[in-house]
Every structure is written in C-alpha cells, then in structure tokens.
C-alpha cells in the first residue's frame, strides 16, 4: 500500500489560450475550416516576421537565396493569383509580380518592409471579404486565370491549395527565423 503524497496538491491551472493557437478543435463546420486555418496561417507568417530587423528581413540564410520579406511578397501575390485573378476572374497587373528578371522572388530595395507587410495585410483583408459566405463548391469565374469552366476549380479546392501553400511557407520561415536569431515555435 502506498501512502498519499505529503505535498499539497497544486491547483489545476489551465494556460491562457495563446492567440497563435490553431483554430479550436470544436470548429466542425467544413465550410469554415479552410477559412479559419488560412487566417491562422496568415497570422503565423506575420508573427514569424515580427521582431526581425530590416536587415534580417532582407537577408537570406538559405542556399536557395530567398529572404523572409521576399516570401511575404510572394504570399501577397499568391493570394492575388488564386482569389482575385483566379476565383473572381478579375484582371490584375503583373500576376507574377513577385518575380525578378531571373524568375526568383523579388522585393525592390527601395520598397520598405512596412509597405510589403501593409500590401500583404490589405490583400488578405480583400481575400477574406471576397470569399465570405461563398459556398465552397462554387467554381472560379473564367476570363481571368482560368480560360474555361473545365479549368476553373471550386473555391474549396482553392482554399485548401492556399492552406497547403501557407503551411509549407510557414515551415520554411520557421527555419529561416531560427537561423536568423534562434527564435523557434509558432
């Protein structure tokens, strides 16, 4: 027979929910899951960049040569390509405008990082509003990125594509941030 532990028991404390925690496991509506995860990943990306100096935002630590700021610019254009030009079929100037002459991601040196971030946040707000309340099975319009109805994916497919793209790039930023200043975690 074991004797009871003589130490007083500590009260059960639940940690406060971190705002960066993924969407609640209580969220079960399949129509809301891709939106919730996409917003969460957008925030993960921004938090990965928070606290980096202008120099670190523009410095690559990887053999491929991309910088954290170039990745943010790329994600802005990804949103434009898939939701504005793609899903809504709107014409956009330079849909591949995140590329330099060599085909790599590119941010002009004279463009401040705050402007790159503001463009990203503006595009995300536009994207959020543009698909709010739209059924996931609705197909993209033709005339923009997609020439025919057969080429046009449904909104649900586009949102899941964006979720996987953000997840991949957030993971890449995990590595870049750890190499930059040792910061780890979401």
C-alpha atoms as a PDB file:
ATOM      1  CA  UNK A   1       0.000   0.000   0.000  1.00  0.00           C
ATOM      2  CA  UNK A   2       1.389   3.420  -0.922  1.00  0.00           C
ATOM      3  CA  UNK A   3       0.955   6.364   1.321  1.00  0.00           C
ATOM      4  CA  UNK A   4      -0.566   9.567   0.000  1.00  0.00           C
ATOM      5  CA  UNK A   5       1.785  12.226  -1.259  1.00  0.00           C
ATOM      6  CA  UNK A   6       2.508  14.556   1.702  1.00  0.00           C
ATOM      7  CA  UNK A   7       2.997  17.592  -0.602  1.00  0.00           C
ATOM      8  CA  UNK A   8      -0.009  19.841  -1.006  1.00  0.00           C
ATOM      9  CA  UNK A   9      -1.568  19.437  -4.399  1.00  0.00           C
ATOM     10  CA  UNK A  10      -1.245  22.343  -6.771  1.00  0.00           C
ATOM     11  CA  UNK A  11      -4.458  23.775  -8.123  1.00  0.00           C
ATOM     12  CA  UNK A  12      -5.266  22.739 -11.673  1.00  0.00           C
ATOM     13  CA  UNK A  13      -4.313  25.691 -13.824  1.00  0.00           C
ATOM     14  CA  UNK A  14      -5.160  25.938 -17.482  1.00  0.00           C
ATOM     15  CA  UNK A  15      -2.854  28.081 -19.528  1.00  0.00           C
ATOM     16  CA  UNK A  16      -4.406  31.043 -21.280  1.00  0.00           C
ATOM     17  CA  UNK A  17      -5.204  30.364 -24.889  1.00  0.00           C
ATOM     18  CA  UNK A  18      -2.410  31.729 -26.989  1.00  0.00           C
ATOM     19  CA  UNK A  19      -3.774  33.866 -29.837  1.00  0.00           C
ATOM     20  CA  UNK A  20      -1.487  31.988 -32.206  1.00  0.00           C
ATOM     21  CA  UNK A  21      -3.029  28.608 -31.281  1.00  0.00           C
ATOM     22  CA  UNK A  22      -4.632  26.902 -34.228  1.00  0.00           C
ATOM     23  CA  UNK A  23      -8.409  27.130 -34.641  1.00  0.00           C
ATOM     24  CA  UNK A  24     -10.454  25.406 -31.961  1.00  0.00           C
ATOM     25  CA  UNK A  25     -10.983  21.674 -32.272  1.00  0.00           C
ATOM     26  CA  UNK A  26     -14.652  22.467 -31.569  1.00  0.00           C
ATOM     27  CA  UNK A  27     -14.897  24.035 -35.015  1.00  0.00           C
ATOM     28  CA  UNK A  28     -16.536  21.309 -37.079  1.00  0.00           C
ATOM     29  CA  UNK A  29     -18.245  23.175 -39.919  1.00  0.00           C
ATOM     30  CA  UNK A  30     -16.416  22.044 -43.075  1.00  0.00           C
ATOM     31  CA  UNK A  31     -17.359  25.342 -44.687  1.00  0.00           C
ATOM     32  CA  UNK A  32     -15.499  27.299 -42.023  1.00  0.00           C
ATOM     33  CA  UNK A  33     -12.414  25.111 -41.503  1.00  0.00           C
ATOM     34  CA  UNK A  34     -10.413  26.257 -44.555  1.00  0.00           C
ATOM     35  CA  UNK A  35     -11.158  29.915 -43.771  1.00  0.00           C
ATOM     36  CA  UNK A  36     -10.136  29.509 -40.119  1.00  0.00           C
ATOM     37  CA  UNK A  37      -6.914  27.656 -40.939  1.00  0.00           C
ATOM     38  CA  UNK A  38      -5.992  30.103 -43.678  1.00  0.00           C
ATOM     39  CA  UNK A  39      -6.412  33.044 -41.282  1.00  0.00           C
ATOM     40  CA  UNK A  40      -4.397  31.218 -38.632  1.00  0.00           C
ATOM     41  CA  UNK A  41      -1.556  30.537 -41.069  1.00  0.00           C
ATOM     42  CA  UNK A  42      -1.578  34.157 -42.260  1.00  0.00           C
ATOM     43  CA  UNK A  43      -1.055  35.178 -38.632  1.00  0.00           C
ATOM     44  CA  UNK A  44       1.679  32.555 -38.126  1.00  0.00           C
ATOM     45  CA  UNK A  45       3.590  34.018 -41.070  1.00  0.00           C
ATOM     46  CA  UNK A  46       3.306  37.571 -39.722  1.00  0.00           C
ATOM     47  CA  UNK A  47       4.390  36.525 -36.237  1.00  0.00           C
ATOM     48  CA  UNK A  48       7.423  34.764 -37.699  1.00  0.00           C
ATOM     49  CA  UNK A  49       8.473  38.112 -39.168  1.00  0.00           C
ATOM     50  CA  UNK A  50       7.744  40.186 -36.056  1.00  0.00           C
ATOM     51  CA  UNK A  51      10.905  41.396 -34.379  1.00  0.00           C
ATOM     52  CA  UNK A  52      13.214  40.855 -37.340  1.00  0.00           C
ATOM     53  CA  UNK A  53      15.256  43.902 -38.263  1.00  0.00           C
ATOM     54  CA  UNK A  54      15.063  45.412 -41.726  1.00  0.00           C
ATOM     55  CA  UNK A  55      18.421  43.803 -42.432  1.00  0.00           C
ATOM     56  CA  UNK A  56      17.247  40.338 -41.316  1.00  0.00           C
ATOM     57  CA  UNK A  57      14.048  40.665 -43.351  1.00  0.00           C
ATOM     58  CA  UNK A  58      16.205  41.241 -46.438  1.00  0.00           C
ATOM     59  CA  UNK A  59      18.894  38.662 -45.672  1.00  0.00           C
ATOM     60  CA  UNK A  60      18.803  35.087 -46.860  1.00  0.00           C
ATOM     61  CA  UNK A  61      20.176  32.363 -44.639  1.00  0.00           C
ATOM     62  CA  UNK A  62      19.385  29.583 -47.109  1.00  0.00           C
ATOM     63  CA  UNK A  63      21.188  28.212 -50.149  1.00  0.00           C
ATOM     64  CA  UNK A  64      18.156  28.969 -52.352  1.00  0.00           C
ATOM     65  CA  UNK A  65      18.626  32.667 -51.591  1.00  0.00           C
ATOM     66  CA  UNK A  66      15.096  33.820 -50.713  1.00  0.00           C
ATOM     67  CA  UNK A  67      14.575  36.304 -47.893  1.00  0.00           C
ATOM     68  CA  UNK A  68      11.736  36.481 -45.362  1.00  0.00           C
ATOM     69  CA  UNK A  69      10.487  39.711 -46.966  1.00  0.00           C
ATOM     70  CA  UNK A  70      10.502  38.102 -50.416  1.00  0.00           C
ATOM     71  CA  UNK A  71       8.441  35.240 -49.042  1.00  0.00           C
ATOM     72  CA  UNK A  72       5.867  37.696 -47.655  1.00  0.00           C
ATOM     73  CA  UNK A  73       5.689  39.465 -51.016  1.00  0.00           C
ATOM     74  CA  UNK A  74       5.278  36.078 -52.698  1.00  0.00           C
ATOM     75  CA  UNK A  75       2.333  35.207 -50.428  1.00  0.00           C
ATOM     76  CA  UNK A  76       0.672  38.535 -51.289  1.00  0.00           C
ATOM     77  CA  UNK A  77       0.859  37.611 -54.950  1.00  0.00           C
ATOM     78  CA  UNK A  78      -0.281  34.045 -54.254  1.00  0.00           C
ATOM     79  CA  UNK A  79      -3.468  35.482 -52.722  1.00  0.00           C
ATOM     80  CA  UNK A  80      -3.941  37.781 -55.728  1.00  0.00           C
ATOM     81  CA  UNK A  81      -3.314  34.994 -58.248  1.00  0.00           C
ATOM     82  CA  UNK A  82      -5.672  32.487 -56.654  1.00  0.00           C
ATOM     83  CA  UNK A  83      -8.502  34.682 -55.364  1.00  0.00           C
ATOM     84  CA  UNK A  84      -8.600  37.972 -57.294  1.00  0.00           C
ATOM     85  CA  UNK A  85      -7.327  36.832 -60.704  1.00  0.00           C
ATOM     86  CA  UNK A  86      -8.266  33.187 -60.208  1.00  0.00           C
ATOM     87  CA  UNK A  87     -11.534  32.790 -58.306  1.00  0.00           C
ATOM     88  CA  UNK A  88     -13.040  36.182 -59.166  1.00  0.00           C
ATOM     89  CA  UNK A  89     -11.595  36.330 -62.690  1.00  0.00           C
ATOM     90  CA  UNK A  90     -10.517  39.957 -62.284  1.00  0.00           C
ATOM     91  CA  UNK A  91      -7.704  41.326 -64.381  1.00  0.00           C
ATOM     92  CA  UNK A  92      -4.607  42.101 -62.309  1.00  0.00           C
ATOM     93  CA  UNK A  93      -1.436  43.915 -63.233  1.00  0.00           C
ATOM     94  CA  UNK A  94       1.555  41.630 -63.085  1.00  0.00           C
ATOM     95  CA  UNK A  95       0.016  38.486 -61.558  1.00  0.00           C
ATOM     96  CA  UNK A  96       3.563  37.135 -61.296  1.00  0.00           C
ATOM     97  CA  UNK A  97       4.859  40.467 -59.928  1.00  0.00           C
ATOM     98  CA  UNK A  98       6.685  38.770 -57.069  1.00  0.00           C
ATOM     99  CA  UNK A  99       9.388  37.620 -59.508  1.00  0.00           C
ATOM    100  CA  UNK A 100      12.533  39.391 -60.562  1.00  0.00           C
ATOM    101  CA  UNK A 101      14.125  39.165 -64.024  1.00  0.00           C
ATOM    102  CA  UNK A 102      15.807  35.894 -63.020  1.00  0.00           C
ATOM    103  CA  UNK A 103      12.461  34.310 -62.045  1.00  0.00           C
ATOM    104  CA  UNK A 104      13.235  34.346 -58.288  1.00  0.00           C
ATOM    105  CA  UNK A 105      11.115  36.067 -55.660  1.00  0.00           C
ATOM    106  CA  UNK A 106      11.949  39.734 -55.548  1.00  0.00           C
ATOM    107  CA  UNK A 107      11.310  42.852 -53.458  1.00  0.00           C
ATOM    108  CA  UNK A 108      12.708  46.170 -54.708  1.00  0.00           C
ATOM    109  CA  UNK A 109      15.347  47.512 -52.303  1.00  0.00           C
ATOM    110  CA  UNK A 110      13.588  50.891 -52.130  1.00  0.00           C
ATOM    111  CA  UNK A 111      10.276  49.324 -51.019  1.00  0.00           C
ATOM    112  CA  UNK A 112      10.145  49.494 -47.205  1.00  0.00           C
ATOM    113  CA  UNK A 113       9.293  46.289 -45.357  1.00  0.00           C
ATOM    114  CA  UNK A 114       6.347  48.074 -43.713  1.00  0.00           C
ATOM    115  CA  UNK A 115       4.878  48.662 -47.180  1.00  0.00           C
ATOM    116  CA  UNK A 116       5.324  44.986 -48.116  1.00  0.00           C
ATOM    117  CA  UNK A 117       3.551  43.977 -44.909  1.00  0.00           C
ATOM    118  CA  UNK A 118       0.758  46.532 -45.464  1.00  0.00           C
ATOM    119  CA  UNK A 119       0.191  45.195 -49.004  1.00  0.00           C
ATOM    120  CA  UNK A 120       0.019  41.655 -47.624  1.00  0.00           C
ATOM    121  CA  UNK A 121      -2.492  42.644 -44.934  1.00  0.00           C
ATOM    122  CA  UNK A 122      -4.598  44.608 -47.458  1.00  0.00           C
ATOM    123  CA  UNK A 123      -4.661  41.670 -49.867  1.00  0.00           C
ATOM    124  CA  UNK A 124      -5.606  39.256 -47.068  1.00  0.00           C
ATOM    125  CA  UNK A 125      -8.460  41.547 -45.995  1.00  0.00           C
ATOM    126  CA  UNK A 126      -9.653  41.760 -49.605  1.00  0.00           C
ATOM    127  CA  UNK A 127      -9.395  37.978 -49.995  1.00  0.00           C
ATOM    128  CA  UNK A 128     -11.314  37.346 -46.766  1.00  0.00           C
ATOM    129  CA  UNK A 129     -14.147  39.666 -47.818  1.00  0.00           C
ATOM    130  CA  UNK A 130     -14.206  38.338 -51.392  1.00  0.00           C
ATOM    131  CA  UNK A 131     -14.988  34.769 -50.344  1.00  0.00           C
ATOM    132  CA  UNK A 132     -17.078  35.401 -47.246  1.00  0.00           C
ATOM    133  CA  UNK A 133     -20.308  33.449 -47.449  1.00  0.00           C
ATOM    134  CA  UNK A 134     -19.427  31.902 -50.816  1.00  0.00           C
ATOM    135  CA  UNK A 135     -20.173  28.158 -50.969  1.00  0.00           C
ATOM    136  CA  UNK A 136     -17.059  26.003 -51.220  1.00  0.00           C
ATOM    137  CA  UNK A 137     -18.453  24.210 -54.259  1.00  0.00           C
ATOM    138  CA  UNK A 138     -18.748  27.433 -56.301  1.00  0.00           C
ATOM    139  CA  UNK A 139     -16.385  27.329 -59.246  1.00  0.00           C
ATOM    140  CA  UNK A 140     -13.987  30.100 -60.192  1.00  0.00           C
ATOM    141  CA  UNK A 141     -15.024  32.542 -62.885  1.00  0.00           C
ATOM    142  CA  UNK A 142     -13.488  32.276 -66.297  1.00  0.00           C
ATOM    143  CA  UNK A 143     -11.733  35.076 -68.096  1.00  0.00           C
ATOM    144  CA  UNK A 144      -9.026  35.705 -65.518  1.00  0.00           C
ATOM    145  CA  UNK A 145      -6.583  32.978 -64.611  1.00  0.00           C
ATOM    146  CA  UNK A 146      -8.872  30.255 -65.960  1.00  0.00           C
ATOM    147  CA  UNK A 147      -9.868  30.243 -69.615  1.00  0.00           C
ATOM    148  CA  UNK A 148     -12.594  27.581 -69.480  1.00  0.00           C
ATOM    149  CA  UNK A 149     -15.048  26.233 -66.940  1.00  0.00           C
ATOM    150  CA  UNK A 150     -13.253  22.887 -67.099  1.00  0.00           C
ATOM    151  CA  UNK A 151     -10.064  24.634 -65.918  1.00  0.00           C
ATOM    152  CA  UNK A 152     -11.805  26.537 -63.113  1.00  0.00           C
ATOM    153  CA  UNK A 153     -11.506  24.880 -59.684  1.00  0.00           C
ATOM    154  CA  UNK A 154     -14.050  25.218 -56.896  1.00  0.00           C
ATOM    155  CA  UNK A 155     -13.463  27.675 -54.064  1.00  0.00           C
ATOM    156  CA  UNK A 156     -12.934  24.793 -51.625  1.00  0.00           C
ATOM    157  CA  UNK A 157     -10.073  23.462 -53.741  1.00  0.00           C
ATOM    158  CA  UNK A 158      -8.514  26.926 -53.997  1.00  0.00           C
ATOM    159  CA  UNK A 159      -8.728  27.486 -50.226  1.00  0.00           C
ATOM    160  CA  UNK A 160      -7.160  24.111 -49.470  1.00  0.00           C
ATOM    161  CA  UNK A 161      -4.439  24.870 -52.004  1.00  0.00           C
ATOM    162  CA  UNK A 162      -3.766  28.147 -50.183  1.00  0.00           C
ATOM    163  CA  UNK A 163      -3.695  26.361 -46.813  1.00  0.00           C
ATOM    164  CA  UNK A 164      -1.032  23.936 -48.059  1.00  0.00           C
ATOM    165  CA  UNK A 165       0.966  26.774 -49.635  1.00  0.00           C
ATOM    166  CA  UNK A 166       0.903  28.797 -46.411  1.00  0.00           C
ATOM    167  CA  UNK A 167       1.737  25.750 -44.291  1.00  0.00           C
ATOM    168  CA  UNK A 168       4.772  24.979 -46.445  1.00  0.00           C
ATOM    169  CA  UNK A 169       5.992  28.570 -46.382  1.00  0.00           C
ATOM    170  CA  UNK A 170       5.348  28.962 -42.643  1.00  0.00           C
ATOM    171  CA  UNK A 171       7.580  25.933 -42.116  1.00  0.00           C
ATOM    172  CA  UNK A 172      10.255  27.498 -44.291  1.00  0.00           C
ATOM    173  CA  UNK A 173      10.004  30.665 -42.207  1.00  0.00           C
ATOM    174  CA  UNK A 174      10.429  28.551 -39.053  1.00  0.00           C
ATOM    175  CA  UNK A 175      13.841  27.539 -40.326  1.00  0.00           C
ATOM    176  CA  UNK A 176      14.807  30.992 -41.596  1.00  0.00           C
ATOM    177  CA  UNK A 177      13.829  32.595 -38.284  1.00  0.00           C
ATOM    178  CA  UNK A 178      15.724  30.042 -36.210  1.00  0.00           C
ATOM    179  CA  UNK A 179      18.819  30.617 -38.338  1.00  0.00           C
ATOM    180  CA  UNK A 180      18.410  34.394 -38.051  1.00  0.00           C
ATOM    181  CA  UNK A 181      18.107  34.772 -34.280  1.00  0.00           C
ATOM    182  CA  UNK A 182      17.378  31.413 -32.691  1.00  0.00           C
ATOM    183  CA  UNK A 183      13.625  32.016 -32.275  1.00  0.00           C
ATOM    184  CA  UNK A 184      11.613  28.799 -32.515  1.00  0.00           C
ATOM    185  CA  UNK A 185       7.932  27.895 -32.293  1.00  0.00           C
ATOM    186  CA  UNK A 186       4.849  29.412 -33.776  1.00  0.00           C
END
